[in-house]
Amino acid sequence: MNIRKALASDAQAIFDLRNRSIRRLCKGFYQDDLLFRWTEGVVPSSEFVEFVSQLMYVAESSGRVIGCGAVSLLDGKVDAVFVDPDHAGNGIGRKVMQLLEEIAVEGGSTETLHLEATLNATPFYAKLGFSVDSASLYISPRGFSLECIKMSKNLHNR
């Protein structure tokens, strides 16, 4: 497995990975109809492709995207961390997160990483040193909301 900067051409593979991950790994934490609404449709607009090419990194194995994540150096926001469900629990998410932390530390523009974790992912982030800040609600532009947990990690306490 290797991790590299995502390319615009990775957008479809990332979108498909995101959907597989949400449908399988979030099952039981959210209602099935919400999971369907969250993952329906095709690759979003050019804004998604731009997000992928600017902020995302992908983990790949045998030329297949099996993990991804993004970090903004402007505000320290970690976003869109997903792992292929067939590879969950094998350390891919941890390795992606380690790289995102290194990028944030090297970038030097933020002292704290923050994210909004799905209910199923909260224990994963806690194992990586993130603290729970508060319960929150993700409001989707598709007209629904999901419970999530705001979490943060001070990069100087690594």
N, C-alpha and C. Protein backbone atom coordinates (compact mmCIF):
# COMPACT_ATOMS: atom_id res chain seq x y z
N MET A 1 0.84 -1.18 0.00
CA MET A 1 0.00 0.00 0.00
C MET A 1 0.88 1.24 0.00
N ASN A 2 0.50 2.22 -0.76
CA ASN A 2 1.17 3.52 -0.71
C ASN A 2 0.12 4.63 -0.62
N ILE A 3 0.54 5.77 -0.09
CA ILE A 3 -0.34 6.92 0.03
C ILE A 3 0.26 8.04 -0.80
N ARG A 4 -0.57 8.66 -1.60
CA ARG A 4 -0.11 9.72 -2.48
C ARG A 4 -1.13 10.83 -2.53
N LYS A 5 -0.72 11.96 -3.07
CA LYS A 5 -1.61 13.10 -3.30
C LYS A 5 -2.65 12.68 -4.33
N ALA A 6 -3.89 12.98 -4.07
CA ALA A 6 -4.97 12.64 -5.00
C ALA A 6 -4.92 13.53 -6.23
N LEU A 7 -5.38 12.98 -7.32
CA LEU A 7 -5.48 13.70 -8.59
C LEU A 7 -6.96 13.90 -8.91
N ALA A 8 -7.25 14.86 -9.74
CA ALA A 8 -8.63 15.09 -10.17
C ALA A 8 -9.22 13.80 -10.75
N SER A 9 -8.41 13.01 -11.42
CA SER A 9 -8.88 11.77 -12.03
C SER A 9 -9.24 10.71 -10.99
N ASP A 10 -8.93 10.93 -9.72
CA ASP A 10 -9.30 10.01 -8.64
C ASP A 10 -10.71 10.28 -8.10
N ALA A 11 -11.34 11.34 -8.54
CA ALA A 11 -12.61 11.77 -7.95
C ALA A 11 -13.67 10.66 -7.97
N GLN A 12 -13.83 9.98 -9.07
CA GLN A 12 -14.86 8.93 -9.14
C GLN A 12 -14.53 7.79 -8.19
N ALA A 13 -13.27 7.35 -8.16
CA ALA A 13 -12.88 6.26 -7.26
C ALA A 13 -13.08 6.66 -5.80
N ILE A 14 -12.78 7.91 -5.47
CA ILE A 14 -12.97 8.40 -4.10
C ILE A 14 -14.45 8.45 -3.76
N PHE A 15 -15.26 8.95 -4.68
CA PHE A 15 -16.70 9.02 -4.45
C PHE A 15 -17.29 7.62 -4.24
N ASP A 16 -16.87 6.67 -5.06
CA ASP A 16 -17.35 5.29 -4.92
C ASP A 16 -16.89 4.68 -3.60
N LEU A 17 -15.64 4.92 -3.22
CA LEU A 17 -15.11 4.44 -1.93
C LEU A 17 -15.91 5.03 -0.79
N ARG A 18 -16.15 6.33 -0.84
CA ARG A 18 -16.94 7.03 0.18
C ARG A 18 -18.30 6.35 0.36
N ASN A 19 -18.97 6.09 -0.75
CA ASN A 19 -20.30 5.50 -0.69
C ASN A 19 -20.27 4.08 -0.11
N ARG A 20 -19.31 3.26 -0.54
CA ARG A 20 -19.19 1.89 0.01
C ARG A 20 -18.93 1.95 1.51
N SER A 21 -18.04 2.83 1.90
CA SER A 21 -17.69 2.96 3.31
C SER A 21 -18.89 3.40 4.15
N ILE A 22 -19.60 4.41 3.69
CA ILE A 22 -20.76 4.89 4.43
C ILE A 22 -21.82 3.80 4.53
N ARG A 23 -22.13 3.16 3.42
CA ARG A 23 -23.21 2.16 3.41
C ARG A 23 -22.92 0.98 4.32
N ARG A 24 -21.67 0.56 4.41
CA ARG A 24 -21.35 -0.62 5.22
C ARG A 24 -20.88 -0.28 6.62
N LEU A 25 -20.02 0.71 6.78
CA LEU A 25 -19.44 0.97 8.09
C LEU A 25 -20.33 1.83 8.98
N CYS A 26 -21.23 2.59 8.39
CA CYS A 26 -22.15 3.42 9.18
C CYS A 26 -23.47 2.70 9.45
N LYS A 27 -23.66 1.54 8.83
CA LYS A 27 -24.90 0.77 9.01
C LYS A 27 -25.06 0.41 10.49
N GLY A 28 -26.23 0.62 11.01
CA GLY A 28 -26.51 0.34 12.41
C GLY A 28 -26.32 1.56 13.31
N PHE A 29 -25.62 2.56 12.80
CA PHE A 29 -25.43 3.81 13.54
C PHE A 29 -26.39 4.89 13.05
N TYR A 30 -26.83 4.74 11.80
CA TYR A 30 -27.77 5.67 11.19
C TYR A 30 -28.85 4.86 10.48
N GLN A 31 -30.01 5.46 10.31
CA GLN A 31 -31.11 4.79 9.64
C GLN A 31 -30.76 4.53 8.17
N ASP A 32 -31.22 3.41 7.66
CA ASP A 32 -30.93 3.02 6.28
C ASP A 32 -31.35 4.08 5.26
N ASP A 33 -32.50 4.73 5.49
CA ASP A 33 -32.94 5.74 4.53
C ASP A 33 -31.99 6.93 4.50
N LEU A 34 -31.39 7.28 5.64
CA LEU A 34 -30.41 8.37 5.67
C LEU A 34 -29.14 7.96 4.94
N LEU A 35 -28.71 6.72 5.14
CA LEU A 35 -27.51 6.25 4.43
C LEU A 35 -27.73 6.28 2.93
N PHE A 36 -28.91 5.90 2.50
CA PHE A 36 -29.23 5.94 1.07
C PHE A 36 -29.18 7.38 0.55
N ARG A 37 -29.84 8.30 1.25
CA ARG A 37 -29.87 9.70 0.81
C ARG A 37 -28.47 10.30 0.81
N TRP A 38 -27.64 9.90 1.75
CA TRP A 38 -26.27 10.41 1.88
C TRP A 38 -25.40 9.96 0.71
N THR A 39 -25.72 8.80 0.16
CA THR A 39 -24.83 8.21 -0.85
C THR A 39 -25.45 8.12 -2.24
N GLU A 40 -26.64 8.64 -2.41
CA GLU A 40 -27.27 8.55 -3.74
C GLU A 40 -26.62 9.53 -4.71
N GLY A 41 -26.83 9.28 -5.98
CA GLY A 41 -26.37 10.21 -7.00
C GLY A 41 -25.03 9.84 -7.60
N VAL A 42 -24.52 10.75 -8.39
CA VAL A 42 -23.25 10.57 -9.09
C VAL A 42 -22.24 11.56 -8.51
N VAL A 43 -21.01 11.47 -8.99
CA VAL A 43 -19.96 12.37 -8.51
C VAL A 43 -20.48 13.80 -8.53
N PRO A 44 -20.37 14.49 -7.42
CA PRO A 44 -20.84 15.87 -7.37
C PRO A 44 -20.12 16.77 -8.37
N SER A 45 -20.45 18.01 -8.29
CA SER A 45 -19.98 19.02 -9.23
C SER A 45 -18.46 19.13 -9.31
N SER A 46 -18.05 20.06 -10.11
CA SER A 46 -16.62 20.33 -10.26
C SER A 46 -16.00 20.77 -8.95
N GLU A 47 -16.82 21.25 -8.01
CA GLU A 47 -16.31 21.62 -6.68
C GLU A 47 -15.70 20.41 -5.98
N PHE A 48 -16.34 19.24 -6.13
CA PHE A 48 -15.81 18.02 -5.52
C PHE A 48 -14.48 17.64 -6.16
N VAL A 49 -14.42 17.71 -7.47
CA VAL A 49 -13.17 17.39 -8.18
C VAL A 49 -12.06 18.33 -7.74
N GLU A 50 -12.39 19.60 -7.58
CA GLU A 50 -11.40 20.58 -7.11
C GLU A 50 -10.95 20.26 -5.68
N PHE A 51 -11.89 19.92 -4.80
CA PHE A 51 -11.57 19.52 -3.43
C PHE A 51 -10.62 18.34 -3.43
N VAL A 52 -10.91 17.34 -4.26
CA VAL A 52 -10.07 16.15 -4.36
C VAL A 52 -8.66 16.54 -4.77
N SER A 53 -8.53 17.31 -5.81
CA SER A 53 -7.20 17.63 -6.35
C SER A 53 -6.41 18.58 -5.46
N GLN A 54 -7.10 19.37 -4.64
CA GLN A 54 -6.38 20.32 -3.80
C GLN A 54 -6.03 19.77 -2.42
N LEU A 55 -6.94 19.02 -1.79
CA LEU A 55 -6.74 18.67 -0.38
C LEU A 55 -6.64 17.18 -0.07
N MET A 56 -6.99 16.32 -0.98
CA MET A 56 -7.09 14.91 -0.65
C MET A 56 -5.82 14.12 -0.93
N TYR A 57 -5.72 13.04 -0.17
CA TYR A 57 -4.67 12.03 -0.33
C TYR A 57 -5.37 10.69 -0.41
N VAL A 58 -4.79 9.77 -1.17
CA VAL A 58 -5.39 8.44 -1.30
C VAL A 58 -4.39 7.37 -0.93
N ALA A 59 -4.92 6.32 -0.30
CA ALA A 59 -4.15 5.10 -0.07
C ALA A 59 -4.57 4.15 -1.18
N GLU A 60 -3.60 3.53 -1.81
CA GLU A 60 -3.95 2.61 -2.88
C GLU A 60 -3.14 1.33 -2.75
N SER A 61 -3.74 0.29 -3.27
CA SER A 61 -3.11 -1.03 -3.29
C SER A 61 -3.45 -1.66 -4.63
N SER A 62 -2.44 -2.11 -5.34
CA SER A 62 -2.62 -2.71 -6.66
C SER A 62 -3.41 -1.79 -7.60
N GLY A 63 -3.14 -0.48 -7.50
CA GLY A 63 -3.78 0.49 -8.36
C GLY A 63 -5.20 0.84 -7.98
N ARG A 64 -5.69 0.32 -6.86
CA ARG A 64 -7.07 0.56 -6.42
C ARG A 64 -7.07 1.46 -5.19
N VAL A 65 -7.93 2.48 -5.19
CA VAL A 65 -8.05 3.37 -4.04
C VAL A 65 -8.78 2.62 -2.93
N ILE A 66 -8.11 2.50 -1.76
CA ILE A 66 -8.70 1.77 -0.63
C ILE A 66 -8.83 2.65 0.62
N GLY A 67 -8.40 3.90 0.52
CA GLY A 67 -8.54 4.83 1.62
C GLY A 67 -8.31 6.24 1.13
N CYS A 68 -8.80 7.21 1.89
CA CYS A 68 -8.59 8.60 1.51
C CYS A 68 -8.80 9.51 2.72
N GLY A 69 -8.36 10.74 2.57
CA GLY A 69 -8.57 11.74 3.60
C GLY A 69 -8.03 13.07 3.12
N ALA A 70 -8.50 14.13 3.78
CA ALA A 70 -8.09 15.49 3.42
C ALA A 70 -7.81 16.29 4.67
N VAL A 71 -6.92 17.28 4.53
CA VAL A 71 -6.66 18.22 5.62
C VAL A 71 -6.46 19.60 5.01
N SER A 72 -7.08 20.59 5.63
CA SER A 72 -6.91 21.97 5.21
C SER A 72 -5.88 22.63 6.11
N LEU A 73 -4.84 23.18 5.51
CA LEU A 73 -3.82 23.88 6.29
C LEU A 73 -4.30 25.25 6.73
N LEU A 74 -5.37 25.74 6.13
CA LEU A 74 -5.90 27.05 6.51
C LEU A 74 -6.56 27.03 7.89
N ASP A 75 -7.31 25.95 8.16
CA ASP A 75 -8.04 25.91 9.42
C ASP A 75 -7.86 24.61 10.21
N GLY A 76 -7.05 23.69 9.71
CA GLY A 76 -6.80 22.44 10.42
C GLY A 76 -7.95 21.45 10.37
N LYS A 77 -8.84 21.60 9.41
CA LYS A 77 -9.98 20.69 9.33
C LYS A 77 -9.60 19.42 8.58
N VAL A 78 -9.85 18.29 9.23
CA VAL A 78 -9.69 16.97 8.62
C VAL A 78 -11.06 16.58 8.09
N ASP A 79 -11.08 16.05 6.88
CA ASP A 79 -12.37 15.77 6.24
C ASP A 79 -12.24 14.55 5.34
N ALA A 80 -13.37 13.93 5.08
CA ALA A 80 -13.49 12.88 4.06
C ALA A 80 -12.51 11.73 4.26
N VAL A 81 -12.36 11.28 5.50
CA VAL A 81 -11.51 10.12 5.76
C VAL A 81 -12.39 8.88 5.63
N PHE A 82 -12.07 8.07 4.63
CA PHE A 82 -12.84 6.86 4.37
C PHE A 82 -11.89 5.72 4.06
N VAL A 83 -12.30 4.51 4.44
CA VAL A 83 -11.54 3.30 4.15
C VAL A 83 -12.49 2.30 3.51
N ASP A 84 -11.99 1.59 2.52
CA ASP A 84 -12.79 0.56 1.89
C ASP A 84 -13.20 -0.45 2.96
N PRO A 85 -14.49 -0.78 3.04
CA PRO A 85 -14.95 -1.69 4.09
C PRO A 85 -14.24 -3.04 4.09
N ASP A 86 -13.81 -3.51 2.93
CA ASP A 86 -13.09 -4.79 2.86
C ASP A 86 -11.70 -4.70 3.47
N HIS A 87 -11.21 -3.49 3.71
CA HIS A 87 -9.88 -3.27 4.27
C HIS A 87 -9.92 -2.60 5.64
N ALA A 88 -11.12 -2.38 6.17
CA ALA A 88 -11.26 -1.72 7.47
C ALA A 88 -10.60 -2.56 8.56
N GLY A 89 -9.96 -1.89 9.48
CA GLY A 89 -9.30 -2.57 10.60
C GLY A 89 -7.88 -3.02 10.30
N ASN A 90 -7.37 -2.69 9.12
CA ASN A 90 -6.02 -3.10 8.73
C ASN A 90 -4.99 -1.98 8.85
N GLY A 91 -5.34 -0.87 9.49
CA GLY A 91 -4.38 0.21 9.71
C GLY A 91 -4.33 1.27 8.62
N ILE A 92 -5.16 1.14 7.61
CA ILE A 92 -5.13 2.10 6.51
C ILE A 92 -5.57 3.48 6.98
N GLY A 93 -6.67 3.56 7.70
CA GLY A 93 -7.15 4.83 8.22
C GLY A 93 -6.13 5.49 9.13
N ARG A 94 -5.48 4.69 9.96
CA ARG A 94 -4.45 5.22 10.87
C ARG A 94 -3.29 5.80 10.07
N LYS A 95 -2.87 5.12 9.02
CA LYS A 95 -1.75 5.61 8.20
C LYS A 95 -2.13 6.89 7.45
N VAL A 96 -3.35 6.94 6.95
CA VAL A 96 -3.82 8.17 6.28
C VAL A 96 -3.82 9.32 7.28
N MET A 97 -4.35 9.07 8.48
CA MET A 97 -4.40 10.12 9.50
C MET A 97 -3.00 10.56 9.93
N GLN A 98 -2.07 9.63 10.04
CA GLN A 98 -0.69 10.00 10.39
C GLN A 98 -0.11 10.94 9.34
N LEU A 99 -0.35 10.65 8.07
CA LEU A 99 0.14 11.51 7.00
C LEU A 99 -0.52 12.89 7.08
N LEU A 100 -1.82 12.93 7.29
CA LEU A 100 -2.52 14.22 7.38
C LEU A 100 -1.98 15.05 8.54
N GLU A 101 -1.69 14.41 9.67
CA GLU A 101 -1.10 15.12 10.81
C GLU A 101 0.29 15.66 10.44
N GLU A 102 1.10 14.83 9.79
CA GLU A 102 2.44 15.28 9.39
C GLU A 102 2.35 16.48 8.45
N ILE A 103 1.42 16.44 7.52
CA ILE A 103 1.25 17.55 6.59
C ILE A 103 0.86 18.82 7.36
N ALA A 104 -0.04 18.68 8.33
CA ALA A 104 -0.46 19.83 9.13
C ALA A 104 0.69 20.39 9.95
N VAL A 105 1.49 19.51 10.55
CA VAL A 105 2.63 19.97 11.36
C VAL A 105 3.65 20.66 10.48
N GLU A 106 3.97 20.06 9.34
CA GLU A 106 4.95 20.66 8.42
C GLU A 106 4.44 21.97 7.85
N GLY A 107 3.12 22.06 7.63
CA GLY A 107 2.52 23.29 7.11
C GLY A 107 2.59 24.41 8.11
N GLY A 108 2.56 24.06 9.39
CA GLY A 108 2.76 25.02 10.47
C GLY A 108 1.71 26.09 10.64
N SER A 109 0.60 26.03 9.92
CA SER A 109 -0.37 27.12 10.01
C SER A 109 -1.46 26.87 11.04
N THR A 110 -1.46 25.69 11.65
CA THR A 110 -2.48 25.39 12.65
C THR A 110 -1.87 24.61 13.80
N GLU A 111 -2.37 24.83 15.00
CA GLU A 111 -1.91 24.08 16.17
C GLU A 111 -2.85 22.96 16.53
N THR A 112 -4.05 22.99 15.95
CA THR A 112 -5.07 22.02 16.31
C THR A 112 -5.74 21.48 15.06
N LEU A 113 -5.92 20.17 15.03
CA LEU A 113 -6.74 19.55 13.99
C LEU A 113 -8.14 19.39 14.55
N HIS A 114 -9.13 19.55 13.71
CA HIS A 114 -10.51 19.31 14.15
C HIS A 114 -11.27 18.61 13.05
N LEU A 115 -12.31 17.90 13.46
CA LEU A 115 -13.11 17.13 12.51
C LEU A 115 -14.49 16.88 13.10
N GLU A 116 -15.38 16.45 12.24
CA GLU A 116 -16.69 16.00 12.66
C GLU A 116 -16.77 14.51 12.34
N ALA A 117 -16.80 13.70 13.39
CA ALA A 117 -16.77 12.25 13.23
C ALA A 117 -18.18 11.68 13.17
N THR A 118 -18.36 10.69 12.30
CA THR A 118 -19.60 9.93 12.35
C THR A 118 -19.60 9.14 13.65
N LEU A 119 -20.78 8.69 14.05
CA LEU A 119 -20.89 7.98 15.32
C LEU A 119 -20.04 6.71 15.35
N ASN A 120 -19.95 6.02 14.22
CA ASN A 120 -19.15 4.80 14.17
C ASN A 120 -17.65 5.07 14.20
N ALA A 121 -17.21 6.25 13.76
CA ALA A 121 -15.78 6.56 13.66
C ALA A 121 -15.21 7.23 14.91
N THR A 122 -16.06 7.65 15.83
CA THR A 122 -15.59 8.35 17.03
C THR A 122 -14.55 7.55 17.81
N PRO A 123 -14.74 6.25 18.06
CA PRO A 123 -13.71 5.49 18.79
C PRO A 123 -12.37 5.44 18.04
N PHE A 124 -12.43 5.37 16.71
CA PHE A 124 -11.21 5.36 15.90
C PHE A 124 -10.40 6.63 16.14
N TYR A 125 -11.05 7.79 16.06
CA TYR A 125 -10.34 9.05 16.26
C TYR A 125 -9.86 9.20 17.70
N ALA A 126 -10.63 8.72 18.65
CA ALA A 126 -10.21 8.78 20.05
C ALA A 126 -8.92 7.99 20.26
N LYS A 127 -8.78 6.84 19.60
CA LYS A 127 -7.54 6.04 19.70
C LYS A 127 -6.35 6.80 19.13
N LEU A 128 -6.61 7.72 18.22
CA LEU A 128 -5.54 8.51 17.60
C LEU A 128 -5.25 9.79 18.37
N GLY A 129 -5.89 9.96 19.52
CA GLY A 129 -5.60 11.12 20.37
C GLY A 129 -6.55 12.29 20.23
N PHE A 130 -7.63 12.13 19.48
CA PHE A 130 -8.61 13.19 19.35
C PHE A 130 -9.52 13.17 20.57
N SER A 131 -9.91 14.36 21.02
CA SER A 131 -10.82 14.51 22.16
C SER A 131 -12.19 14.94 21.67
N VAL A 132 -13.20 14.48 22.37
CA VAL A 132 -14.57 14.89 22.04
C VAL A 132 -14.78 16.32 22.51
N ASP A 133 -15.25 17.17 21.62
CA ASP A 133 -15.57 18.55 21.96
C ASP A 133 -17.06 18.70 22.25
N SER A 134 -17.90 18.18 21.35
CA SER A 134 -19.34 18.29 21.55
C SER A 134 -20.08 17.43 20.53
N ALA A 135 -21.33 17.15 20.86
CA ALA A 135 -22.21 16.53 19.88
C ALA A 135 -22.62 17.61 18.89
N SER A 136 -22.87 17.19 17.67
CA SER A 136 -23.21 18.17 16.64
C SER A 136 -24.18 17.54 15.66
N LEU A 137 -24.56 18.32 14.68
CA LEU A 137 -25.46 17.86 13.64
C LEU A 137 -24.89 18.28 12.29
N TYR A 138 -24.67 17.30 11.42
CA TYR A 138 -24.24 17.59 10.06
C TYR A 138 -25.51 17.87 9.25
N ILE A 139 -25.56 19.02 8.64
CA ILE A 139 -26.70 19.40 7.81
C ILE A 139 -26.28 19.22 6.35
N SER A 140 -26.88 18.26 5.70
CA SER A 140 -26.54 17.98 4.30
C SER A 140 -27.26 18.94 3.37
N PRO A 141 -26.58 19.34 2.30
CA PRO A 141 -27.26 20.16 1.29
C PRO A 141 -28.39 19.38 0.60
N ARG A 142 -28.43 18.06 0.84
CA ARG A 142 -29.48 17.23 0.25
C ARG A 142 -30.75 17.21 1.09
N GLY A 143 -30.76 17.98 2.19
CA GLY A 143 -31.98 18.15 2.96
C GLY A 143 -32.19 17.20 4.13
N PHE A 144 -31.16 16.67 4.70
CA PHE A 144 -31.28 15.83 5.88
C PHE A 144 -30.15 16.16 6.83
N SER A 145 -30.24 15.66 8.04
CA SER A 145 -29.17 15.89 9.01
C SER A 145 -28.77 14.58 9.67
N LEU A 146 -27.51 14.52 10.12
CA LEU A 146 -26.96 13.34 10.78
C LEU A 146 -26.25 13.76 12.06
N GLU A 147 -26.42 12.97 13.09
CA GLU A 147 -25.67 13.22 14.32
C GLU A 147 -24.20 12.96 14.05
N CYS A 148 -23.36 13.79 14.62
CA CYS A 148 -21.92 13.59 14.53
C CYS A 148 -21.28 14.12 15.81
N ILE A 149 -20.00 13.91 15.94
CA ILE A 149 -19.26 14.32 17.12
C ILE A 149 -18.11 15.23 16.69
N LYS A 150 -18.09 16.45 17.20
CA LYS A 150 -16.95 17.34 16.94
C LYS A 150 -15.80 16.90 17.83
N MET A 151 -14.63 16.75 17.20
CA MET A 151 -13.44 16.30 17.92
C MET A 151 -12.26 17.16 17.51
N SER A 152 -11.24 17.20 18.38
CA SER A 152 -10.03 17.98 18.07
C SER A 152 -8.81 17.31 18.67
N LYS A 153 -7.66 17.72 18.16
CA LYS A 153 -6.38 17.20 18.63
C LYS A 153 -5.34 18.30 18.55
N ASN A 154 -4.69 18.58 19.67
CA ASN A 154 -3.61 19.55 19.71
C ASN A 154 -2.36 18.89 19.11
N LEU A 155 -1.79 19.51 18.09
CA LEU A 155 -0.65 18.92 17.40
C LEU A 155 0.64 19.00 18.22
N HIS A 156 0.66 19.83 19.25
CA HIS A 156 1.85 19.92 20.08
C HIS A 156 1.89 18.87 21.17
N ASN A 157 0.79 18.14 21.33
CA ASN A 157 0.72 17.08 22.34
C ASN A 157 0.75 15.69 21.67
N ARG A 158 1.40 15.58 20.54
CA ARG A 158 1.43 14.31 19.80
C ARG A 158 2.29 13.30 20.49
